[in-house]
C-alpha atoms as a PDB file:
ATOM      1  CA  UNK A   1       0.000   0.000   0.000  1.00  0.00           C
ATOM      2  CA  UNK A   2       1.276   3.494  -0.810  1.00  0.00           C
ATOM      3  CA  UNK A   3       1.751   5.831   2.129  1.00  0.00           C
ATOM      4  CA  UNK A   4       1.740   9.625   2.161  1.00  0.00           C
ATOM      5  CA  UNK A   5       4.488  11.482   4.006  1.00  0.00           C
ATOM      6  CA  UNK A   6       2.741  14.268   5.873  1.00  0.00           C
ATOM      7  CA  UNK A   7       1.677  13.187   9.374  1.00  0.00           C
ATOM      8  CA  UNK A   8      -1.499  14.281  11.107  1.00  0.00           C
ATOM      9  CA  UNK A   9      -0.995  17.145  13.593  1.00  0.00           C
ATOM     10  CA  UNK A  10      -2.508  16.115  16.912  1.00  0.00           C
ATOM     11  CA  UNK A  11      -4.279  18.504  19.290  1.00  0.00           C
ATOM     12  CA  UNK A  12      -4.907  17.198  22.794  1.00  0.00           C
ATOM     13  CA  UNK A  13      -7.587  18.449  25.170  1.00  0.00           C
ATOM     14  CA  UNK A  14      -8.603  17.417  28.653  1.00  0.00           C
ATOM     15  CA  UNK A  15     -12.290  17.605  27.707  1.00  0.00           C
ATOM     16  CA  UNK A  16     -11.825  15.248  24.773  1.00  0.00           C
ATOM     17  CA  UNK A  17      -9.822  12.827  26.889  1.00  0.00           C
ATOM     18  CA  UNK A  18     -12.554  12.699  29.516  1.00  0.00           C
ATOM     19  CA  UNK A  19     -15.252  11.623  27.055  1.00  0.00           C
ATOM     20  CA  UNK A  20     -15.939   8.076  25.986  1.00  0.00           C
ATOM     21  CA  UNK A  21     -15.662   7.914  22.200  1.00  0.00           C
ATOM     22  CA  UNK A  22     -18.828   7.201  20.251  1.00  0.00           C
ATOM     23  CA  UNK A  23     -17.685   5.529  17.047  1.00  0.00           C
ATOM     24  CA  UNK A  24     -19.312   6.933  13.913  1.00  0.00           C
ATOM     25  CA  UNK A  25     -16.602   6.743  11.254  1.00  0.00           C
ATOM     26  CA  UNK A  26     -14.827   3.427  10.691  1.00  0.00           C
ATOM     27  CA  UNK A  27     -11.924   2.357   8.487  1.00  0.00           C
ATOM     28  CA  UNK A  28     -11.600  -1.376   7.854  1.00  0.00           C
ATOM     29  CA  UNK A  29      -8.173  -2.394   6.564  1.00  0.00           C
ATOM     30  CA  UNK A  30      -8.373  -5.624   4.577  1.00  0.00           C
ATOM     31  CA  UNK A  31     -11.027  -6.523   2.011  1.00  0.00           C
ATOM     32  CA  UNK A  32     -11.010 -10.278   2.507  1.00  0.00           C
ATOM     33  CA  UNK A  33     -13.863 -12.347   3.894  1.00  0.00           C
ATOM     34  CA  UNK A  34     -13.544 -11.020   7.440  1.00  0.00           C
ATOM     35  CA  UNK A  35     -12.816  -7.399   6.545  1.00  0.00           C
ATOM     36  CA  UNK A  36     -15.680  -7.239   4.055  1.00  0.00           C
ATOM     37  CA  UNK A  37     -18.025  -8.754   6.626  1.00  0.00           C
ATOM     38  CA  UNK A  38     -17.025  -6.209   9.270  1.00  0.00           C
ATOM     39  CA  UNK A  39     -17.448  -3.373   6.773  1.00  0.00           C
ATOM     40  CA  UNK A  40     -20.881  -4.687   5.805  1.00  0.00           C
ATOM     41  CA  UNK A  41     -22.326  -4.846   9.312  1.00  0.00           C
ATOM     42  CA  UNK A  42     -20.840  -1.473  10.254  1.00  0.00           C
ATOM     43  CA  UNK A  43     -22.367   0.170   7.171  1.00  0.00           C
ATOM     44  CA  UNK A  44     -25.686  -1.625   7.746  1.00  0.00           C
ATOM     45  CA  UNK A  45     -25.892  -0.167  11.275  1.00  0.00           C
ATOM     46  CA  UNK A  46     -25.458   3.432  10.146  1.00  0.00           C
ATOM     47  CA  UNK A  47     -21.698   3.890  10.446  1.00  0.00           C
ATOM     48  CA  UNK A  48     -19.693   5.625   7.748  1.00  0.00           C
ATOM     49  CA  UNK A  49     -17.257   2.993   6.522  1.00  0.00           C
ATOM     50  CA  UNK A  50     -14.195   3.033   4.295  1.00  0.00           C
ATOM     51  CA  UNK A  51     -12.940  -0.386   3.234  1.00  0.00           C
ATOM     52  CA  UNK A  52      -9.240  -0.442   2.333  1.00  0.00           C
ATOM     53  CA  UNK A  53      -7.137  -2.927   0.412  1.00  0.00           C
ATOM     54  CA  UNK A  54      -4.172  -2.992  -1.952  1.00  0.00           C
ATOM     55  CA  UNK A  55      -6.003  -2.890  -5.279  1.00  0.00           C
ATOM     56  CA  UNK A  56      -9.282  -1.871  -6.861  1.00  0.00           C
ATOM     57  CA  UNK A  57      -9.597  -5.420  -8.170  1.00  0.00           C
ATOM     58  CA  UNK A  58      -9.708  -6.810  -4.624  1.00  0.00           C
ATOM     59  CA  UNK A  59     -12.077  -4.066  -3.481  1.00  0.00           C
ATOM     60  CA  UNK A  60     -14.472  -4.625  -6.400  1.00  0.00           C
ATOM     61  CA  UNK A  61     -14.610  -8.300  -5.462  1.00  0.00           C
ATOM     62  CA  UNK A  62     -15.233  -7.313  -1.833  1.00  0.00           C
ATOM     63  CA  UNK A  63     -18.081  -4.968  -2.790  1.00  0.00           C
ATOM     64  CA  UNK A  64     -19.653  -7.645  -4.980  1.00  0.00           C
ATOM     65  CA  UNK A  65     -19.490 -10.075  -2.064  1.00  0.00           C
ATOM     66  CA  UNK A  66     -21.087  -7.514   0.254  1.00  0.00           C
ATOM     67  CA  UNK A  67     -23.906  -6.822  -2.220  1.00  0.00           C
ATOM     68  CA  UNK A  68     -24.576 -10.549  -2.636  1.00  0.00           C
ATOM     69  CA  UNK A  69     -24.582 -11.027   1.136  1.00  0.00           C
ATOM     70  CA  UNK A  70     -27.004  -8.136   1.636  1.00  0.00           C
ATOM     71  CA  UNK A  71     -29.370  -9.556  -0.987  1.00  0.00           C
ATOM     72  CA  UNK A  72     -29.426 -12.926   0.788  1.00  0.00           C
ATOM     73  CA  UNK A  73     -30.061 -11.311   4.159  1.00  0.00           C
ATOM     74  CA  UNK A  74     -32.831  -9.039   2.917  1.00  0.00           C
ATOM     75  CA  UNK A  75     -34.666 -11.957   1.290  1.00  0.00           C
ATOM     76  CA  UNK A  76     -35.139 -13.397   4.771  1.00  0.00           C
ATOM     77  CA  UNK A  77     -35.371 -10.177   6.787  1.00  0.00           C
ATOM     78  CA  UNK A  78     -37.733  -8.402   4.397  1.00  0.00           C
ATOM     79  CA  UNK A  79     -39.485 -11.422   2.876  1.00  0.00           C
ATOM     80  CA  UNK A  80     -42.865  -9.631   2.854  1.00  0.00           C
ATOM     81  CA  UNK A  81     -41.460  -6.151   2.174  1.00  0.00           C
ATOM     82  CA  UNK A  82     -39.173  -6.245  -0.890  1.00  0.00           C
ATOM     83  CA  UNK A  83     -39.225  -2.442  -1.230  1.00  0.00           C
ATOM     84  CA  UNK A  84     -37.973  -2.055   2.355  1.00  0.00           C
ATOM     85  CA  UNK A  85     -35.281  -4.600   1.577  1.00  0.00           C
ATOM     86  CA  UNK A  86     -34.134  -2.681  -1.485  1.00  0.00           C
ATOM     87  CA  UNK A  87     -34.051   0.533   0.549  1.00  0.00           C
ATOM     88  CA  UNK A  88     -31.965  -1.177   3.258  1.00  0.00           C
ATOM     89  CA  UNK A  89     -29.419  -2.344   0.682  1.00  0.00           C
ATOM     90  CA  UNK A  90     -29.249   1.124  -0.879  1.00  0.00           C
ATOM     91  CA  UNK A  91     -28.708   2.834   2.498  1.00  0.00           C
ATOM     92  CA  UNK A  92     -26.034   0.336   3.504  1.00  0.00           C
ATOM     93  CA  UNK A  93     -24.080   0.723   0.278  1.00  0.00           C
ATOM     94  CA  UNK A  94     -24.285   4.540   0.551  1.00  0.00           C
ATOM     95  CA  UNK A  95     -22.478   4.269   3.889  1.00  0.00           C
ATOM     96  CA  UNK A  96     -19.642   2.295   2.294  1.00  0.00           C
ATOM     97  CA  UNK A  97     -16.757   3.596   0.198  1.00  0.00           C
ATOM     98  CA  UNK A  98     -13.417   2.035  -0.736  1.00  0.00           C
ATOM     99  CA  UNK A  99      -9.800   3.159  -0.963  1.00  0.00           C
ATOM    100  CA  UNK A 100      -6.366   1.760  -1.739  1.00  0.00           C
ATOM    101  CA  UNK A 101      -4.602   4.345   0.463  1.00  0.00           C
ATOM    102  CA  UNK A 102      -4.957   3.663   4.219  1.00  0.00           C
ATOM    103  CA  UNK A 103      -3.059   6.804   5.195  1.00  0.00           C
ATOM    104  CA  UNK A 104      -5.522   9.105   3.425  1.00  0.00           C
ATOM    105  CA  UNK A 105      -8.577   7.612   5.144  1.00  0.00           C
ATOM    106  CA  UNK A 106      -7.466   7.553   8.787  1.00  0.00           C
ATOM    107  CA  UNK A 107      -7.433  11.352   9.000  1.00  0.00           C
ATOM    108  CA  UNK A 108     -11.200  11.345   9.542  1.00  0.00           C
ATOM    109  CA  UNK A 109     -11.880   8.066  11.316  1.00  0.00           C
ATOM    110  CA  UNK A 110     -12.850   7.200  14.891  1.00  0.00           C
ATOM    111  CA  UNK A 111     -11.910   3.541  14.678  1.00  0.00           C
ATOM    112  CA  UNK A 112      -9.495   1.556  12.537  1.00  0.00           C
ATOM    113  CA  UNK A 113     -10.204  -2.185  12.395  1.00  0.00           C
ATOM    114  CA  UNK A 114      -7.412  -4.248  10.864  1.00  0.00           C
ATOM    115  CA  UNK A 115      -8.268  -7.564   9.186  1.00  0.00           C
ATOM    116  CA  UNK A 116      -5.202  -8.326   7.067  1.00  0.00           C
ATOM    117  CA  UNK A 117      -2.880 -11.340   6.875  1.00  0.00           C
ATOM    118  CA  UNK A 118      -2.020 -13.103  10.169  1.00  0.00           C
ATOM    119  CA  UNK A 119       1.577 -11.902  10.184  1.00  0.00           C
ATOM    120  CA  UNK A 120       2.862  -9.893  13.133  1.00  0.00           C
ATOM    121  CA  UNK A 121       5.529  -8.010  11.177  1.00  0.00           C
ATOM    122  CA  UNK A 122       3.048  -6.946   8.477  1.00  0.00           C
ATOM    123  CA  UNK A 123       0.473  -5.821  11.051  1.00  0.00           C
ATOM    124  CA  UNK A 124       3.107  -3.909  13.027  1.00  0.00           C
ATOM    125  CA  UNK A 125       4.316  -2.092   9.920  1.00  0.00           C
ATOM    126  CA  UNK A 126       0.747  -1.089   9.024  1.00  0.00           C
ATOM    127  CA  UNK A 127      -0.121   0.234  12.475  1.00  0.00           C
ATOM    128  CA  UNK A 128       3.250   1.949  12.914  1.00  0.00           C
ATOM    129  CA  UNK A 129       2.517   3.955   9.770  1.00  0.00           C
ATOM    130  CA  UNK A 130      -1.144   4.669  10.513  1.00  0.00           C
ATOM    131  CA  UNK A 131      -0.233   5.821  14.017  1.00  0.00           C
ATOM    132  CA  UNK A 132       1.592   8.799  12.501  1.00  0.00           C
ATOM    133  CA  UNK A 133      -1.432   9.974  10.543  1.00  0.00           C
ATOM    134  CA  UNK A 134      -4.495   9.136  12.641  1.00  0.00           C
ATOM    135  CA  UNK A 135      -6.019  11.767  14.962  1.00  0.00           C
ATOM    136  CA  UNK A 136      -5.276  11.481  18.654  1.00  0.00           C
ATOM    137  CA  UNK A 137      -8.776  10.235  19.499  1.00  0.00           C
ATOM    138  CA  UNK A 138      -8.742   7.399  16.944  1.00  0.00           C
ATOM    139  CA  UNK A 139      -8.897   3.894  18.376  1.00  0.00           C
ATOM    140  CA  UNK A 140      -6.986   1.064  16.708  1.00  0.00           C
ATOM    141  CA  UNK A 141      -8.214  -2.539  16.834  1.00  0.00           C
ATOM    142  CA  UNK A 142      -7.057  -5.826  15.351  1.00  0.00           C
ATOM    143  CA  UNK A 143      -9.275  -8.715  14.285  1.00  0.00           C
ATOM    144  CA  UNK A 144      -6.439 -11.218  14.805  1.00  0.00           C
ATOM    145  CA  UNK A 145      -7.499 -14.631  16.062  1.00  0.00           C
ATOM    146  CA  UNK A 146      -4.116 -15.867  17.237  1.00  0.00           C
ATOM    147  CA  UNK A 147      -1.524 -13.090  17.605  1.00  0.00           C
ATOM    148  CA  UNK A 148      -0.952 -11.159  20.862  1.00  0.00           C
ATOM    149  CA  UNK A 149      -2.759  -7.810  20.745  1.00  0.00           C
ATOM    150  CA  UNK A 150      -0.120  -6.310  23.054  1.00  0.00           C
ATOM    151  CA  UNK A 151       2.665  -7.029  20.564  1.00  0.00           C
ATOM    152  CA  UNK A 152       0.684  -5.380  17.764  1.00  0.00           C
ATOM    153  CA  UNK A 153      -0.155  -2.366  19.951  1.00  0.00           C
ATOM    154  CA  UNK A 154       3.511  -1.915  20.836  1.00  0.00           C
ATOM    155  CA  UNK A 155       4.176  -0.832  17.249  1.00  0.00           C
ATOM    156  CA  UNK A 156       2.223   2.365  18.019  1.00  0.00           C
ATOM    157  CA  UNK A 157       2.328   5.246  20.480  1.00  0.00           C
ATOM    158  CA  UNK A 158      -1.338   4.711  21.395  1.00  0.00           C
ATOM    159  CA  UNK A 159      -1.244   1.519  23.439  1.00  0.00           C
ATOM    160  CA  UNK A 160      -4.027   2.957  25.626  1.00  0.00           C
ATOM    161  CA  UNK A 161      -6.235   3.361  22.537  1.00  0.00           C
ATOM    162  CA  UNK A 162      -5.601  -0.115  21.167  1.00  0.00           C
ATOM    163  CA  UNK A 163      -7.610  -3.301  21.654  1.00  0.00           C
ATOM    164  CA  UNK A 164      -8.790  -6.453  19.974  1.00  0.00           C
ATOM    165  CA  UNK A 165     -12.091  -6.928  18.135  1.00  0.00           C
ATOM    166  CA  UNK A 166     -12.268 -10.584  17.154  1.00  0.00           C
ATOM    167  CA  UNK A 167     -15.234 -11.281  14.886  1.00  0.00           C
ATOM    168  CA  UNK A 168     -16.321 -14.717  13.701  1.00  0.00           C
ATOM    169  CA  UNK A 169     -17.010 -16.078  10.228  1.00  0.00           C
ATOM    170  CA  UNK A 170     -19.463 -15.380   8.629  1.00  0.00           C
ATOM    171  CA  UNK A 171     -19.453 -11.946  10.265  1.00  0.00           C
ATOM    172  CA  UNK A 172     -23.005 -10.879   9.262  1.00  0.00           C
ATOM    173  CA  UNK A 173     -24.499 -14.002  10.876  1.00  0.00           C
ATOM    174  CA  UNK A 174     -22.278 -14.758  13.867  1.00  0.00           C
ATOM    175  CA  UNK A 175     -23.412 -12.805  16.920  1.00  0.00           C
ATOM    176  CA  UNK A 176     -20.231 -13.018  18.992  1.00  0.00           C
ATOM    177  CA  UNK A 177     -17.404 -10.481  19.215  1.00  0.00           C
ATOM    178  CA  UNK A 178     -14.464 -10.979  21.574  1.00  0.00           C
ATOM    179  CA  UNK A 179     -13.283  -7.603  22.886  1.00  0.00           C
ATOM    180  CA  UNK A 180      -9.675  -7.881  24.017  1.00  0.00           C
ATOM    181  CA  UNK A 181      -8.237  -5.567  26.645  1.00  0.00           C
ATOM    182  CA  UNK A 182      -4.464  -5.469  26.984  1.00  0.00           C
ATOM    183  CA  UNK A 183      -2.761  -4.284  30.199  1.00  0.00           C
ATOM    184  CA  UNK A 184      -2.371  -0.870  28.516  1.00  0.00           C
ATOM    185  CA  UNK A 185      -5.882  -0.506  27.028  1.00  0.00           C
ATOM    186  CA  UNK A 186      -7.710   2.319  28.833  1.00  0.00           C
ATOM    187  CA  UNK A 187     -11.117   1.709  30.358  1.00  0.00           C
ATOM    188  CA  UNK A 188     -12.604   4.373  28.057  1.00  0.00           C
ATOM    189  CA  UNK A 189     -11.214   2.610  24.993  1.00  0.00           C
ATOM    190  CA  UNK A 190     -12.516  -0.733  26.221  1.00  0.00           C
ATOM    191  CA  UNK A 191     -15.987   0.712  26.838  1.00  0.00           C
ATOM    192  CA  UNK A 192     -15.988   2.338  23.392  1.00  0.00           C
ATOM    193  CA  UNK A 193     -15.153  -0.994  21.759  1.00  0.00           C
ATOM    194  CA  UNK A 194     -17.875  -2.748  23.766  1.00  0.00           C
ATOM    195  CA  UNK A 195     -20.413  -0.068  22.788  1.00  0.00           C
ATOM    196  CA  UNK A 196     -19.384  -0.270  19.128  1.00  0.00           C
ATOM    197  CA  UNK A 197     -19.837  -4.055  19.162  1.00  0.00           C
ATOM    198  CA  UNK A 198     -23.320  -3.663  20.640  1.00  0.00           C
ATOM    199  CA  UNK A 199     -24.167  -0.997  18.063  1.00  0.00           C
ATOM    200  CA  UNK A 200     -23.392  -3.586  15.383  1.00  0.00           C
ATOM    201  CA  UNK A 201     -26.028  -5.844  16.919  1.00  0.00           C
ATOM    202  CA  UNK A 202     -23.408  -8.222  18.297  1.00  0.00           C
ATOM    203  CA  UNK A 203     -22.983  -9.789  21.732  1.00  0.00           C
ATOM    204  CA  UNK A 204     -19.548  -8.752  22.991  1.00  0.00           C
ATOM    205  CA  UNK A 205     -17.592 -10.728  25.579  1.00  0.00           C
ATOM    206  CA  UNK A 206     -14.456  -9.487  27.305  1.00  0.00           C
ATOM    207  CA  UNK A 207     -11.143 -11.284  27.573  1.00  0.00           C
ATOM    208  CA  UNK A 208      -7.565 -10.481  28.533  1.00  0.00           C
ATOM    209  CA  UNK A 209      -4.802 -10.739  25.943  1.00  0.00           C
ATOM    210  CA  UNK A 210      -4.231 -14.486  26.300  1.00  0.00           C
ATOM    211  CA  UNK A 211      -3.429 -16.909  23.416  1.00  0.00           C
ATOM    212  CA  UNK A 212      -6.609 -17.605  21.429  1.00  0.00           C
ATOM    213  CA  UNK A 213      -8.727 -15.385  23.702  1.00  0.00           C
ATOM    214  CA  UNK A 214     -11.793 -17.424  24.747  1.00  0.00           C
ATOM    215  CA  UNK A 215     -13.166 -19.341  21.780  1.00  0.00           C
ATOM    216  CA  UNK A 216      -9.976 -20.415  20.021  1.00  0.00           C
ATOM    217  CA  UNK A 217      -8.174 -21.044  23.317  1.00  0.00           C
ATOM    218  CA  UNK A 218     -10.766 -23.739  24.003  1.00  0.00           C
ATOM    219  CA  UNK A 219     -11.550 -24.756  20.416  1.00  0.00           C
ATOM    220  CA  UNK A 220      -8.081 -25.255  18.904  1.00  0.00           C
ATOM    221  CA  UNK A 221      -6.774 -27.630  21.630  1.00  0.00           C
ATOM    222  CA  UNK A 222     -10.033 -29.601  21.266  1.00  0.00           C
ATOM    223  CA  UNK A 223      -9.495 -29.889  17.507  1.00  0.00           C
ATOM    224  CA  UNK A 224      -5.873 -30.916  17.993  1.00  0.00           C
ATOM    225  CA  UNK A 225      -6.833 -33.520  20.575  1.00  0.00           C
ATOM    226  CA  UNK A 226      -9.288 -34.991  18.046  1.00  0.00           C
ATOM    227  CA  UNK A 227      -6.421 -35.271  15.532  1.00  0.00           C
ATOM    228  CA  UNK A 228      -4.205 -36.960  18.143  1.00  0.00           C
ATOM    229  CA  UNK A 229      -7.011 -39.404  18.971  1.00  0.00           C
ATOM    230  CA  UNK A 230      -7.162 -40.303  15.277  1.00  0.00           C
ATOM    231  CA  UNK A 231      -3.354 -40.409  14.941  1.00  0.00           C
ATOM    232  CA  UNK A 232      -3.118 -42.957  17.770  1.00  0.00           C
ATOM    233  CA  UNK A 233      -5.661 -45.137  16.018  1.00  0.00           C
ATOM    234  CA  UNK A 234      -8.101 -44.931  18.929  1.00  0.00           C
ATOM    235  CA  UNK A 235     -11.050 -44.044  16.666  1.00  0.00           C
ATOM    236  CA  UNK A 236     -11.829 -43.333  13.028  1.00  0.00           C
ATOM    237  CA  UNK A 237     -12.233 -39.665  12.071  1.00  0.00           C
ATOM    238  CA  UNK A 238     -15.765 -40.365  10.857  1.00  0.00           C
ATOM    239  CA  UNK A 239     -16.721 -41.870  14.222  1.00  0.00           C
ATOM    240  CA  UNK A 240     -15.134 -38.978  16.118  1.00  0.00           C
ATOM    241  CA  UNK A 241     -17.167 -36.520  14.053  1.00  0.00           C
ATOM    242  CA  UNK A 242     -20.418 -38.420  14.592  1.00  0.00           C
ATOM    243  CA  UNK A 243     -19.698 -38.779  18.311  1.00  0.00           C
ATOM    244  CA  UNK A 244     -19.181 -35.055  18.849  1.00  0.00           C
ATOM    245  CA  UNK A 245     -22.234 -34.103  16.792  1.00  0.00           C
ATOM    246  CA  UNK A 246     -24.615 -36.555  18.419  1.00  0.00           C
ATOM    247  CA  UNK A 247     -22.985 -36.764  21.843  1.00  0.00           C
ATOM    248  CA  UNK A 248     -22.025 -33.143  22.416  1.00  0.00           C
ATOM    249  CA  UNK A 249     -24.576 -31.475  20.139  1.00  0.00           C
ATOM    250  CA  UNK A 250     -21.944 -29.747  17.996  1.00  0.00           C
ATOM    251  CA  UNK A 251     -23.114 -28.701  14.496  1.00  0.00           C
ATOM    252  CA  UNK A 252     -19.854 -30.034  12.989  1.00  0.00           C
ATOM    253  CA  UNK A 253     -17.435 -32.727  14.030  1.00  0.00           C
ATOM    254  CA  UNK A 254     -13.809 -31.660  14.661  1.00  0.00           C
ATOM    255  CA  UNK A 255     -12.490 -32.967  11.324  1.00  0.00           C
ATOM    256  CA  UNK A 256     -15.327 -31.343   9.402  1.00  0.00           C
ATOM    257  CA  UNK A 257     -14.581 -28.085  11.201  1.00  0.00           C
ATOM    258  CA  UNK A 258     -10.841 -28.327  10.562  1.00  0.00           C
ATOM    259  CA  UNK A 259     -11.509 -28.771   6.846  1.00  0.00           C
ATOM    260  CA  UNK A 260     -13.942 -25.829   6.903  1.00  0.00           C
ATOM    261  CA  UNK A 261     -11.521 -23.498   8.716  1.00  0.00           C
ATOM    262  CA  UNK A 262      -8.499 -24.601   6.677  1.00  0.00           C
ATOM    263  CA  UNK A 263      -5.758 -26.929   7.864  1.00  0.00           C
ATOM    264  CA  UNK A 264      -3.099 -24.311   7.112  1.00  0.00           C
ATOM    265  CA  UNK A 265      -4.879 -21.826   9.385  1.00  0.00           C
ATOM    266  CA  UNK A 266      -5.096 -24.343  12.211  1.00  0.00           C
ATOM    267  CA  UNK A 267      -1.435 -25.301  11.793  1.00  0.00           C
ATOM    268  CA  UNK A 268      -0.401 -21.643  11.794  1.00  0.00           C
ATOM    269  CA  UNK A 269      -2.222 -21.049  15.080  1.00  0.00           C
ATOM    270  CA  UNK A 270      -0.908 -24.125  16.876  1.00  0.00           C
ATOM    271  CA  UNK A 271       2.655 -23.527  15.637  1.00  0.00           C
ATOM    272  CA  UNK A 272       2.545 -19.962  16.957  1.00  0.00           C
ATOM    273  CA  UNK A 273       1.256 -21.049  20.352  1.00  0.00           C
ATOM    274  CA  UNK A 274       3.856 -23.836  20.505  1.00  0.00           C
ATOM    275  CA  UNK A 275       6.590 -21.232  20.071  1.00  0.00           C
ATOM    276  CA  UNK A 276       5.112 -19.194  22.926  1.00  0.00           C
ATOM    277  CA  UNK A 277       4.665 -22.177  25.258  1.00  0.00           C
ATOM    278  CA  UNK A 278       6.801 -25.099  23.995  1.00  0.00           C
ATOM    279  CA  UNK A 279       6.198 -27.178  27.142  1.00  0.00           C
ATOM    280  CA  UNK A 280       2.395 -26.945  26.978  1.00  0.00           C
ATOM    281  CA  UNK A 281       1.130 -30.356  25.707  1.00  0.00           C
ATOM    282  CA  UNK A 282      -2.108 -28.727  24.471  1.00  0.00           C
ATOM    283  CA  UNK A 283      -0.042 -26.734  21.975  1.00  0.00           C
ATOM    284  CA  UNK A 284       2.004 -29.655  20.628  1.00  0.00           C
ATOM    285  CA  UNK A 285       2.144 -29.859  16.806  1.00  0.00           C
ATOM    286  CA  UNK A 286       0.577 -32.789  14.942  1.00  0.00           C
ATOM    287  CA  UNK A 287       2.678 -34.804  12.440  1.00  0.00           C
ATOM    288  CA  UNK A 288      -0.476 -35.713  10.497  1.00  0.00           C
ATOM    289  CA  UNK A 289      -1.654 -32.102  10.254  1.00  0.00           C
ATOM    290  CA  UNK A 290       1.845 -31.022   9.193  1.00  0.00           C
ATOM    291  CA  UNK A 291       1.893 -33.722   6.489  1.00  0.00           C
ATOM    292  CA  UNK A 292      -1.488 -32.731   5.037  1.00  0.00           C
ATOM    293  CA  UNK A 293      -0.506 -29.062   4.896  1.00  0.00           C
ATOM    294  CA  UNK A 294       2.799 -29.943   3.240  1.00  0.00           C
ATOM    295  CA  UNK A 295       0.837 -31.896   0.612  1.00  0.00           C
ATOM    296  CA  UNK A 296      -1.399 -28.815   0.078  1.00  0.00           C
ATOM    297  CA  UNK A 297      -4.440 -30.714   1.330  1.00  0.00           C
ATOM    298  CA  UNK A 298      -5.855 -27.748   3.212  1.00  0.00           C
ATOM    299  CA  UNK A 299      -9.526 -28.691   3.458  1.00  0.00           C
ATOM    300  CA  UNK A 300     -12.590 -27.533   1.561  1.00  0.00           C
ATOM    301  CA  UNK A 301     -10.796 -24.682  -0.188  1.00  0.00           C
ATOM    302  CA  UNK A 302      -8.433 -27.115  -1.980  1.00  0.00           C
ATOM    303  CA  UNK A 303     -10.931 -29.941  -2.414  1.00  0.00           C
ATOM    304  CA  UNK A 304      -9.227 -32.243   0.075  1.00  0.00           C
ATOM    305  CA  UNK A 305      -8.170 -32.218   3.705  1.00  0.00           C
ATOM    306  CA  UNK A 306      -9.171 -34.868   6.180  1.00  0.00           C
ATOM    307  CA  UNK A 307     -12.027 -35.539   3.752  1.00  0.00           C
ATOM    308  CA  UNK A 308     -12.324 -35.247  -0.022  1.00  0.00           C
ATOM    309  CA  UNK A 309     -14.728 -32.734  -1.575  1.00  0.00           C
ATOM    310  CA  UNK A 310     -16.098 -32.670  -5.117  1.00  0.00           C
END
């Protein structure tokens, strides 16, 4: 992404610092599945949103995906009122614009939500640059599912105005948002992020900056333990899936879910946690998972993972 060179001039005031920020203007960095979903729900709830990515080609694809998603939602939500549905789509899209220059858009934003590649160095470089140009009141948030929020925040000078907003896929349908508070996140910033999540129609839960936060901290070790159970030959993967669906009431078995999420994504998360806590048996890598990823059998997106897909 191209960056301008003239930083934003900050003006501090005690009155501004005392107020809890009401988020109205949002910049979402990253036009992939998660970023587009976040942009969609923010625009649909009356926020002014700028969606940012590296090229117009990516952004056009993102906008098309958002329009398709809105059409599906309105068919259900406005089944008996097609005119109201069309109006809802029009209003939502009016609230959404796109840009390939993140520096130019943060000048007028209250909240920057980052949803780019899960790479600490890349995220740090982005936020280090944006920190120079964003107004003093602007809150930064990352949608990372596995990286420490504190380490991302440390790339900026606004650690007190930095937190985590972890959404779930598909964003328009999943009601949960994990709001992550680091040791440096101010109470006002935390409350602003909680309020923003509620304004989106989501149910926010709070968590400290611990590996995987709440959901993935419990989910990923469970998925890995299912793989180890299969690796040891204690049960077939099909039987494990059936057992967890019928016995625990889960909508998907662990191997079905691993294929849905992507085996490369799961491996990336567990490898990162293993580096942080090499003696934790819950974070031990899996030879079988490593082998499948090496063979490019990544799940549904490649047509084969633990299962084969047509």
